[in-house]
Amino acid sequence: MATKVSDVKKKKSLPNDRSLKKNSQKKHRRKYGANQNHSKEGTEENQGDVGIKGSKETFSLKTVMDLKRETDSVAEKAYSFINWAYNTNAGSGGLTKFHGNNIATYTPPADQKTEAFNSEVNKYKNRSPEIVCLDQSRVLLPVDDKNSSDYIHANHITFENFDRPYIATQLPLEETRVDFWRMVVSQEVDTIIALFDPSADTKSKPITPATATTPPTPNTPTSFSTTPPKKTSNRRTFLRIFRRKKQKEQKEKDKDGSPDESVMSRLSFDSAEATSYWPLSVNRYLTCGPYFINTRKVELPGKKFWAPTIYSIEIVEENCANATFVKILNYANWTSQKKPCSPRIVISLIQHIRMIDPLQKGKVVVHCDNGVNRTSALIFCDVILQRIYNDLDFDVVELCRELRNQRASSFQDPFYFVYSIYAVATYIMKRGGTRANPKFDTIYTQFSLLREQIRREFGIEQKDSRERTSG
């Protein structure tokens, strides 16, 4: 006898993963509200192009500063800053003239002495005789039986209501590399921001392989045919034939004594590493006085042109069992001869600093060539952003003068002051989150005009950065 379908007890279907996820989301919305998301502090949509992806979550300046919600007063400060920048730049001479009238002519008080800088025994440690090092804020190196001098061309940079301790310094000379690592170890530095190209000094020098006795001459391979290869039905066969031709061509180059491209690149890399004060590749070692420097890891920026290369460095001092670990953030495309191609460069560096040390307890060393222009731009941007998003009042001129009271000749080039203002304004607009403010349309229009004026005057955000003669 056939059993009717209605007589069969229907089994309750077990909930699948999708239904369980929906139920948990409903409970989460009932408990915390529909518009809140506690899994992440923000999404890439409201962070713009300045988010940094970590291994498991998205980091941003908003996340690491623990700013859960922007208040109306914070939005008002952010918009007031853009309004000030636009009105100042729209005036006669713009921000460049503002820099000349209020910052370039300012000098530290007369009681700020430079005795250590002017000392005859320390003159060889200064990269430029025009960039003085103030005694009141300079870093004092530990003195012992082997090291009798406490001088290094470096200054502590601190601000009121600003937790991050910075050290602004110059690019270490070959004679001062030991002093530089003494400072890093003694000051318990966590991060080093290196705004220079380690291979810049080797680009103009011709590099020849050690095995070549005469300068290499262009050599046209005799076995290479200019006619296209025969078509084959099998792609693997074609690639195998092509690979054999390339190998044969390379063997003939070796016989003729022409340098291999890999040898040339390796020699160029070795020369660049010789001008750097840390090893540029993994498992490379460098002995600098009593310090043993080892590069344990290298994180390349990939396709993000504004991201730095991150080196994980281990420092072991002679007769010391404990090692010091630091991160070096090297952005090699921002040199003294080139303009930064985007404001995202300095924003990305600040975000990396926050990501490495979110509690802001470790000291950060920043240097470019002389430590007064690119270095000042990064520190100034970090201070301004902290002031705005911590709802603190500030004055741009007073902050610049306070910076000069600690690191003389800061913002020597007006371009870097204008670039810092533009970078802060760009971050405010890309961060978003305050579009409901009725002033948003007006401020966005002002920012767009400010951006076009700065781009037209300085050539920022062009594909090929124009050369500069100072910085």
Protein backbone atom coordinates (compact mmCIF):
# COMPACT_ATOMS: atom_id res chain seq x y z
CA MET A 1 0.00 0.00 0.00
CA ALA A 2 1.43 3.30 -1.04
CA THR A 3 2.12 5.78 1.66
CA LYS A 4 0.72 9.26 1.20
CA VAL A 5 3.00 12.15 1.38
CA SER A 6 0.82 13.81 3.99
CA ASP A 7 1.24 10.84 6.31
CA VAL A 8 5.00 11.23 6.43
CA LYS A 9 6.23 13.44 9.24
CA LYS A 10 8.17 16.29 7.83
CA LYS A 11 11.63 16.57 9.30
CA LYS A 12 12.76 19.98 10.47
CA SER A 13 15.61 21.18 8.29
CA LEU A 14 18.77 22.06 10.15
CA PRO A 15 19.80 25.70 9.92
CA ASN A 16 22.59 26.29 7.48
CA ASP A 17 25.50 28.70 7.91
CA ARG A 18 23.72 31.50 6.07
CA SER A 19 20.65 31.42 8.33
CA LEU A 20 22.82 31.33 11.44
CA LYS A 21 24.75 34.33 10.20
CA LYS A 22 21.52 36.27 9.55
CA ASN A 23 20.18 35.47 13.01
CA SER A 24 23.41 36.63 14.67
CA GLN A 25 23.30 39.84 12.65
CA LYS A 26 19.70 40.51 13.76
CA LYS A 27 20.65 40.03 17.42
CA HIS A 28 23.67 42.31 16.93
CA ARG A 29 21.47 45.06 15.45
CA ARG A 30 18.91 44.76 18.26
CA LYS A 31 21.68 45.06 20.86
CA TYR A 32 23.92 47.76 19.36
CA GLY A 33 21.75 49.50 16.78
CA ALA A 34 21.40 49.20 13.04
CA ASN A 35 23.93 51.84 12.05
CA GLN A 36 26.86 50.61 14.17
CA ASN A 37 29.48 48.08 13.15
CA HIS A 38 31.81 46.88 15.91
CA SER A 39 33.85 44.49 13.83
CA LYS A 40 35.85 47.31 12.23
CA GLU A 41 36.24 50.95 13.07
CA GLY A 42 35.81 52.04 9.47
CA THR A 43 35.61 50.86 5.91
CA GLU A 44 37.73 51.80 2.95
CA GLU A 45 34.78 53.73 1.54
CA ASN A 46 34.81 56.42 4.21
CA GLN A 47 38.60 56.35 4.54
CA GLY A 48 39.24 57.14 0.88
CA ASP A 49 42.56 56.13 -0.61
CA VAL A 50 44.53 56.40 2.61
CA GLY A 51 43.64 53.06 4.24
CA ILE A 52 46.40 50.58 5.00
CA LYS A 53 45.55 46.92 4.81
CA GLY A 54 47.07 44.79 7.51
CA SER A 55 47.04 41.03 7.77
CA LYS A 56 43.54 40.75 9.29
CA GLU A 57 42.00 44.19 9.42
CA THR A 58 42.10 47.59 7.80
CA PHE A 59 44.16 50.17 9.63
CA SER A 60 43.71 53.89 9.28
CA LEU A 61 44.67 56.98 11.20
CA LYS A 62 41.10 57.11 12.50
CA THR A 63 41.33 53.54 13.84
CA VAL A 64 44.67 53.76 15.62
CA MET A 65 43.80 57.13 17.18
CA ASP A 66 40.66 55.51 18.61
CA LEU A 67 38.30 58.15 17.25
CA LYS A 68 34.88 56.50 17.21
CA ARG A 69 32.83 59.46 16.07
CA GLU A 70 33.58 62.91 14.79
CA THR A 71 31.85 65.60 16.80
CA ASP A 72 30.48 68.78 15.30
CA SER A 73 33.36 70.78 16.78
CA VAL A 74 35.93 68.48 15.14
CA ALA A 75 34.22 68.87 11.78
CA GLU A 76 34.14 72.62 12.30
CA LYS A 77 37.89 72.69 12.99
CA ALA A 78 38.59 70.58 9.92
CA TYR A 79 36.52 72.83 7.68
CA SER A 80 37.95 75.98 9.25
CA PHE A 81 41.45 74.76 8.38
CA ILE A 82 40.53 74.26 4.71
CA ASN A 83 38.77 77.61 4.66
CA TRP A 84 41.89 79.30 6.09
CA ALA A 85 44.18 77.53 3.59
CA TYR A 86 41.97 78.51 0.64
CA ASN A 87 41.62 82.16 1.67
CA THR A 88 45.33 82.49 2.43
CA ASN A 89 46.39 80.94 -0.86
CA ALA A 90 43.85 83.02 -2.80
CA GLY A 91 45.41 86.24 -1.51
CA SER A 92 48.33 88.10 -3.01
CA GLY A 93 51.34 85.78 -3.09
CA GLY A 94 49.37 82.88 -1.61
CA LEU A 95 50.78 80.47 0.95
CA THR A 96 54.29 81.06 -0.36
CA LYS A 97 54.18 84.73 0.64
CA PHE A 98 52.55 83.76 3.94
CA HIS A 99 55.55 81.50 4.61
CA GLY A 100 57.99 84.27 3.75
CA ASN A 101 56.35 86.83 6.03
CA ASN A 102 55.65 84.64 9.07
CA ILE A 103 58.00 81.63 9.06
CA ALA A 104 61.09 82.20 6.91
CA THR A 105 62.01 85.40 8.75
CA TYR A 106 61.55 83.91 12.21
CA THR A 107 64.63 82.97 14.20
CA PRO A 108 64.82 81.23 17.61
CA PRO A 109 65.26 83.41 20.71
CA ALA A 110 68.70 84.83 21.46
CA ASP A 111 69.18 82.57 24.48
CA GLN A 112 69.20 79.53 22.17
CA LYS A 113 72.91 78.73 21.89
CA THR A 114 74.81 76.54 19.40
CA GLU A 115 78.10 75.95 21.21
CA ALA A 116 78.34 72.23 20.46
CA PHE A 117 77.55 72.84 16.79
CA ASN A 118 80.24 75.53 16.46
CA SER A 119 82.88 73.55 18.34
CA GLU A 120 85.94 72.76 16.24
CA VAL A 121 85.94 69.10 17.30
CA ASN A 122 82.36 68.64 16.04
CA LYS A 123 82.42 70.51 12.74
CA TYR A 124 83.20 67.38 10.71
CA LYS A 125 79.97 65.85 12.04
CA ASN A 126 77.76 68.52 10.47
CA ARG A 127 76.45 67.94 6.98
CA SER A 128 75.85 71.64 6.30
CA PRO A 129 77.41 74.64 8.08
CA GLU A 130 74.21 76.64 7.50
CA ILE A 131 71.88 74.24 9.39
CA VAL A 132 72.68 74.81 13.05
CA CYS A 133 71.88 72.44 15.92
CA LEU A 134 70.42 74.14 19.01
CA ASP A 135 71.91 73.16 22.37
CA GLN A 136 68.66 73.35 24.27
CA SER A 137 66.94 70.58 22.32
CA ARG A 138 69.85 68.55 20.94
CA VAL A 139 70.17 64.83 21.67
CA LEU A 140 72.91 63.97 24.16
CA LEU A 141 74.76 60.73 23.46
CA PRO A 142 76.00 58.58 26.34
CA VAL A 143 79.67 59.11 27.19
CA ASP A 144 82.00 56.29 28.25
CA ASP A 145 85.66 55.31 28.04
CA LYS A 146 85.45 54.64 24.29
CA ASN A 147 83.21 57.57 23.34
CA SER A 148 84.10 60.93 24.87
CA SER A 149 81.80 63.08 22.70
CA ASP A 150 78.05 63.44 23.31
CA TYR A 151 77.35 65.43 20.11
CA ILE A 152 75.18 64.45 17.18
CA HIS A 153 73.33 66.77 14.82
CA ALA A 154 69.88 65.79 16.11
CA ASN A 155 67.11 67.52 18.08
CA HIS A 156 64.19 66.39 20.22
CA ILE A 157 60.82 67.58 18.86
CA THR A 158 57.94 67.77 21.35
CA PHE A 159 54.66 69.67 21.47
CA GLU A 160 52.12 70.31 24.18
CA ASN A 161 49.26 67.75 24.18
CA PHE A 162 51.17 65.68 21.62
CA ASP A 163 52.30 62.25 22.77
CA ARG A 164 54.57 61.23 19.91
CA PRO A 165 58.26 62.01 20.70
CA TYR A 166 60.16 62.80 17.50
CA ILE A 167 63.87 63.19 16.84
CA ALA A 168 64.80 65.25 13.77
CA THR A 169 68.28 64.65 12.41
CA GLN A 170 70.38 64.71 9.26
CA LEU A 171 71.31 61.81 7.00
CA PRO A 172 74.26 60.14 8.78
CA LEU A 173 77.65 60.85 7.30
CA GLU A 174 80.15 58.04 6.97
CA GLU A 175 81.97 59.48 9.99
CA THR A 176 78.81 59.70 12.10
CA ARG A 177 77.16 56.32 11.48
CA VAL A 178 78.40 54.94 14.79
CA ASP A 179 76.99 58.01 16.57
CA PHE A 180 73.68 57.50 14.78
CA TRP A 181 73.32 53.92 16.04
CA ARG A 182 74.44 55.06 19.52
CA MET A 183 71.52 57.47 19.47
CA VAL A 184 69.06 54.81 18.26
CA VAL A 185 70.06 52.37 21.00
CA SER A 186 70.41 54.86 23.86
CA GLN A 187 67.16 56.72 23.06
CA GLU A 188 65.24 53.44 22.65
CA VAL A 189 64.01 54.35 19.18
CA ASP A 190 61.25 52.20 17.68
CA THR A 191 60.91 53.63 14.17
CA ILE A 192 63.22 55.39 11.72
CA ILE A 193 61.75 57.39 8.82
CA ALA A 194 64.41 57.58 6.10
CA LEU A 195 63.37 60.04 3.37
CA PHE A 196 66.21 59.54 0.92
CA ASP A 197 67.30 57.23 -1.89
CA PRO A 198 70.19 54.94 -0.84
CA SER A 199 71.21 54.51 -4.49
CA ALA A 200 71.06 58.22 -5.42
CA ASP A 201 74.81 58.68 -4.95
CA THR A 202 75.65 55.77 -7.25
CA LYS A 203 73.45 56.63 -10.25
CA SER A 204 75.98 59.06 -11.71
CA LYS A 205 78.95 56.75 -11.15
CA PRO A 206 79.72 54.23 -13.91
CA ILE A 207 79.81 50.71 -12.51
CA THR A 208 81.88 48.08 -14.28
CA PRO A 209 82.19 44.42 -13.31
CA ALA A 210 85.33 43.37 -11.52
CA THR A 211 86.16 40.74 -14.16
CA ALA A 212 86.10 43.20 -17.06
CA THR A 213 89.47 44.79 -17.79
CA THR A 214 88.13 47.17 -20.47
CA PRO A 215 84.92 49.17 -20.62
CA PRO A 216 82.09 47.09 -22.06
CA THR A 217 81.05 47.80 -25.63
CA PRO A 218 77.67 47.09 -27.17
CA ASN A 219 77.68 43.63 -28.69
CA THR A 220 75.09 42.38 -31.15
CA PRO A 221 74.64 38.58 -30.86
CA THR A 222 75.31 36.75 -34.08
CA SER A 223 72.96 33.85 -33.34
CA PHE A 224 69.90 35.97 -32.73
CA SER A 225 67.65 36.19 -35.73
CA THR A 226 65.50 39.23 -36.45
CA THR A 227 62.91 37.13 -38.25
CA PRO A 228 59.97 35.95 -36.15
CA PRO A 229 60.02 32.30 -35.07
CA LYS A 230 57.95 29.74 -36.88
CA LYS A 231 54.47 29.25 -35.59
CA THR A 232 54.00 26.06 -33.63
CA SER A 233 50.82 24.46 -32.49
CA ASN A 234 52.17 23.83 -29.04
CA ARG A 235 52.85 26.94 -26.89
CA ARG A 236 55.17 25.00 -24.60
CA THR A 237 57.35 24.04 -27.56
CA PHE A 238 57.62 27.66 -28.64
CA LEU A 239 58.60 28.80 -25.14
CA ARG A 240 61.22 26.04 -24.90
CA ILE A 241 62.79 27.06 -28.22
CA PHE A 242 62.77 30.72 -27.26
CA ARG A 243 64.38 29.94 -23.89
CA ARG A 244 67.17 27.95 -25.55
CA LYS A 245 67.93 30.87 -27.88
CA LYS A 246 68.19 33.25 -24.96
CA GLN A 247 70.52 30.88 -23.12
CA LYS A 248 72.72 30.52 -26.18
CA GLU A 249 72.77 34.29 -26.62
CA GLN A 250 73.86 34.75 -23.00
CA LYS A 251 76.69 32.24 -23.37
CA GLU A 252 78.05 34.17 -26.35
CA LYS A 253 77.90 37.38 -24.32
CA ASP A 254 79.94 35.75 -21.57
CA LYS A 255 82.58 34.63 -24.09
CA ASP A 256 82.90 38.14 -25.48
CA GLY A 257 83.35 39.62 -22.01
CA SER A 258 80.17 41.71 -22.06
CA PRO A 259 78.69 42.26 -18.62
CA ASP A 260 75.59 40.35 -17.66
CA GLU A 261 72.59 42.47 -16.64
CA SER A 262 72.23 40.51 -13.40
CA VAL A 263 75.90 41.21 -12.58
CA MET A 264 75.41 44.91 -13.27
CA SER A 265 72.30 45.10 -11.11
CA ARG A 266 74.07 43.22 -8.32
CA LEU A 267 77.03 45.59 -8.48
CA SER A 268 74.67 48.57 -8.46
CA PHE A 269 72.90 47.12 -5.44
CA ASP A 270 76.18 46.55 -3.62
CA SER A 271 77.23 50.13 -4.30
CA ALA A 272 73.90 51.43 -3.04
CA GLU A 273 74.24 49.30 0.05
CA ALA A 274 77.70 50.74 0.64
CA THR A 275 76.21 54.25 0.82
CA SER A 276 73.42 53.18 3.18
CA TYR A 277 73.80 52.83 6.92
CA TRP A 278 71.83 49.57 7.07
CA PRO A 279 71.81 46.39 4.90
CA LEU A 280 69.24 46.61 2.11
CA SER A 281 68.47 42.89 1.76
CA VAL A 282 67.52 40.04 4.06
CA ASN A 283 70.31 38.18 5.88
CA ARG A 284 72.84 40.86 5.07
CA TYR A 285 75.06 42.08 7.88
CA LEU A 286 76.83 45.31 8.60
CA THR A 287 79.39 46.01 11.30
CA CYS A 288 79.40 49.64 12.39
CA GLY A 289 81.86 50.16 15.20
CA PRO A 290 80.65 48.13 18.19
CA TYR A 291 77.23 47.54 16.57
CA PHE A 292 76.22 44.55 14.49
CA ILE A 293 73.35 45.47 12.11
CA ASN A 294 71.22 42.70 10.61
CA THR A 295 68.25 43.04 8.27
CA ARG A 296 65.76 40.37 9.24
CA LYS A 297 62.86 41.25 6.95
CA VAL A 298 62.06 43.51 3.98
CA GLU A 299 58.49 44.46 3.09
CA LEU A 300 58.22 45.95 -0.39
CA PRO A 301 55.51 48.51 -1.18
CA GLY A 302 54.22 46.68 -4.25
CA LYS A 303 52.20 48.77 -6.70
CA LYS A 304 51.41 51.52 -4.17
CA PHE A 305 53.84 54.24 -5.19
CA TRP A 306 53.12 56.24 -2.03
CA ALA A 307 53.95 53.39 0.38
CA PRO A 308 57.46 52.99 1.88
CA THR A 309 59.74 49.98 1.98
CA ILE A 310 59.81 48.62 5.54
CA TYR A 311 63.00 47.05 6.93
CA SER A 312 63.01 45.09 10.18
CA ILE A 313 66.45 45.70 11.71
CA GLU A 314 68.19 43.91 14.56
CA ILE A 315 70.98 45.77 16.38
CA VAL A 316 73.38 43.88 18.64
CA GLU A 317 75.98 45.83 20.59
CA GLU A 318 79.39 44.37 21.33
CA ASN A 319 79.60 42.57 24.70
CA CYS A 320 75.82 42.91 25.10
CA ALA A 321 73.42 39.97 25.19
CA ASN A 322 70.27 41.98 24.45
CA ALA A 323 69.33 43.05 20.94
CA THR A 324 67.48 46.18 19.83
CA PHE A 325 64.81 45.93 17.13
CA VAL A 326 63.70 48.87 15.01
CA LYS A 327 61.63 49.45 11.87
CA ILE A 328 63.08 51.57 9.07
CA LEU A 329 60.49 53.12 6.76
CA ASN A 330 62.40 54.15 3.66
CA TYR A 331 60.64 56.16 0.98
CA ALA A 332 63.29 56.42 -1.73
CA ASN A 333 61.30 58.39 -4.34
CA TRP A 334 61.12 61.57 -2.25
CA THR A 335 64.61 62.98 -2.66
CA SER A 336 65.95 66.53 -2.45
CA GLN A 337 65.86 66.81 -6.27
CA LYS A 338 62.24 65.66 -6.69
CA LYS A 339 58.87 66.90 -5.59
CA PRO A 340 56.48 64.47 -3.90
CA CYS A 341 54.05 63.31 -6.55
CA SER A 342 51.10 62.99 -4.18
CA PRO A 343 50.00 64.15 -0.69
CA ARG A 344 49.31 60.51 0.12
CA ILE A 345 53.04 59.96 0.65
CA VAL A 346 53.25 61.79 3.96
CA ILE A 347 49.80 60.51 5.02
CA SER A 348 50.88 56.93 4.37
CA LEU A 349 54.07 57.38 6.42
CA ILE A 350 52.10 58.78 9.37
CA GLN A 351 49.67 55.88 9.19
CA HIS A 352 52.52 53.37 9.19
CA ILE A 353 53.98 55.03 12.28
CA ARG A 354 50.62 54.75 14.04
CA MET A 355 50.25 51.15 12.97
CA ILE A 356 53.69 50.16 14.28
CA ASP A 357 53.24 51.95 17.63
CA PRO A 358 49.55 52.77 18.26
CA LEU A 359 50.22 53.69 21.91
CA GLN A 360 52.66 56.44 20.83
CA LYS A 361 55.25 55.50 23.44
CA GLY A 362 58.27 54.82 21.23
CA LYS A 363 60.51 57.53 19.80
CA VAL A 364 60.59 58.14 16.06
CA VAL A 365 63.71 59.34 14.25
CA VAL A 366 63.03 61.29 11.04
CA HIS A 367 65.71 62.39 8.61
CA CYS A 368 66.10 63.44 5.00
CA ASP A 369 69.34 65.08 3.88
CA ASN A 370 69.69 68.02 6.24
CA GLY A 371 66.61 67.21 8.32
CA VAL A 372 64.80 70.54 7.90
CA ASN A 373 62.38 70.31 4.94
CA ARG A 374 60.95 66.84 4.31
CA THR A 375 61.47 66.03 7.97
CA SER A 376 59.55 69.13 9.05
CA ALA A 377 56.71 68.36 6.63
CA LEU A 378 56.07 64.92 8.11
CA ILE A 379 56.21 66.07 11.75
CA PHE A 380 54.08 69.15 11.06
CA CYS A 381 51.36 67.12 9.30
CA ASP A 382 51.20 64.65 12.19
CA VAL A 383 50.87 67.45 14.75
CA ILE A 384 48.15 69.27 12.78
CA LEU A 385 46.08 66.10 12.29
CA GLN A 386 46.33 65.29 15.98
CA ARG A 387 45.19 68.81 16.86
CA ILE A 388 42.19 68.70 14.54
CA TYR A 389 40.88 65.24 15.39
CA ASN A 390 41.52 65.59 19.12
CA ASP A 391 39.43 68.78 19.06
CA LEU A 392 42.30 71.03 20.15
CA ASP A 393 42.82 74.66 19.19
CA PHE A 394 45.99 75.54 17.32
CA ASP A 395 47.66 78.28 15.32
CA VAL A 396 49.64 77.36 12.20
CA VAL A 397 52.21 80.12 12.62
CA GLU A 398 52.81 79.34 16.30
CA LEU A 399 53.28 75.62 15.55
CA CYS A 400 55.83 76.40 12.84
CA ARG A 401 57.71 78.76 15.13
CA GLU A 402 57.65 76.22 17.94
CA LEU A 403 59.10 73.70 15.51
CA ARG A 404 61.85 76.16 14.58
CA ASN A 405 62.63 76.75 18.26
CA GLN A 406 63.59 73.07 18.48
CA ARG A 407 64.94 72.33 14.99
CA ALA A 408 66.46 75.46 13.50
CA SER A 409 65.78 76.26 9.81
CA SER A 410 62.69 74.04 9.71
CA PHE A 411 60.64 74.67 6.57
CA GLN A 412 63.57 76.39 4.90
CA ASP A 413 61.94 75.80 1.50
CA PRO A 414 58.41 77.29 1.21
CA PHE A 415 57.31 74.45 -1.05
CA TYR A 416 57.34 71.95 1.81
CA PHE A 417 55.20 74.23 3.95
CA VAL A 418 52.63 74.51 1.14
CA TYR A 419 52.82 70.75 0.58
CA SER A 420 52.11 70.10 4.28
CA ILE A 421 49.01 72.33 4.20
CA TYR A 422 47.82 70.58 1.05
CA ALA A 423 48.42 67.11 2.53
CA VAL A 424 46.38 67.88 5.66
CA ALA A 425 43.54 69.32 3.57
CA THR A 426 43.59 66.25 1.32
CA TYR A 427 43.33 63.92 4.29
CA ILE A 428 40.37 65.88 5.70
CA MET A 429 38.46 65.60 2.42
CA LYS A 430 39.32 61.94 1.80
CA ARG A 431 38.45 60.94 5.33
CA GLY A 432 34.86 62.06 4.88
CA GLY A 433 32.35 61.22 7.58
CA THR A 434 31.09 64.83 7.82
CA ARG A 435 29.30 65.17 4.50
CA ALA A 436 26.02 65.82 6.32
CA ASN A 437 27.45 69.15 7.44
CA PRO A 438 25.71 71.97 5.54
CA LYS A 439 29.10 73.58 4.85
CA PHE A 440 30.44 70.55 3.01
CA ASP A 441 29.63 71.74 -0.52
CA THR A 442 31.25 75.12 0.08
CA ILE A 443 34.37 73.57 1.65
CA TYR A 444 34.67 71.00 -1.13
CA THR A 445 34.57 73.78 -3.71
CA GLN A 446 37.28 75.67 -1.81
CA PHE A 447 39.42 72.54 -1.53
CA SER A 448 39.09 71.86 -5.27
CA LEU A 449 40.21 75.40 -6.10
CA LEU A 450 43.08 75.14 -3.59
CA ARG A 451 44.18 71.85 -5.11
CA GLU A 452 44.20 73.24 -8.65
CA GLN A 453 46.18 76.30 -7.58
CA ILE A 454 48.85 74.23 -5.83
CA ARG A 455 49.05 71.72 -8.67
CA ARG A 456 49.48 74.50 -11.20
CA GLU A 457 52.09 76.36 -9.16
CA PHE A 458 54.23 73.44 -7.94
CA GLY A 459 53.34 70.57 -10.26
CA ILE A 460 52.18 68.22 -7.51
CA GLU A 461 50.42 64.99 -8.52
CA GLN A 462 51.96 64.82 -11.97
CA LYS A 463 53.07 61.49 -13.44
CA ASP A 464 56.68 62.64 -13.76
CA SER A 465 57.83 64.74 -10.80
CA ARG A 466 59.84 67.75 -11.92
CA GLU A 467 63.37 68.20 -10.70
CA ARG A 468 64.14 70.55 -7.80
CA THR A 469 67.45 72.16 -6.98
CA SER A 470 66.99 72.49 -3.21
CA GLY A 471 65.22 70.77 -0.33
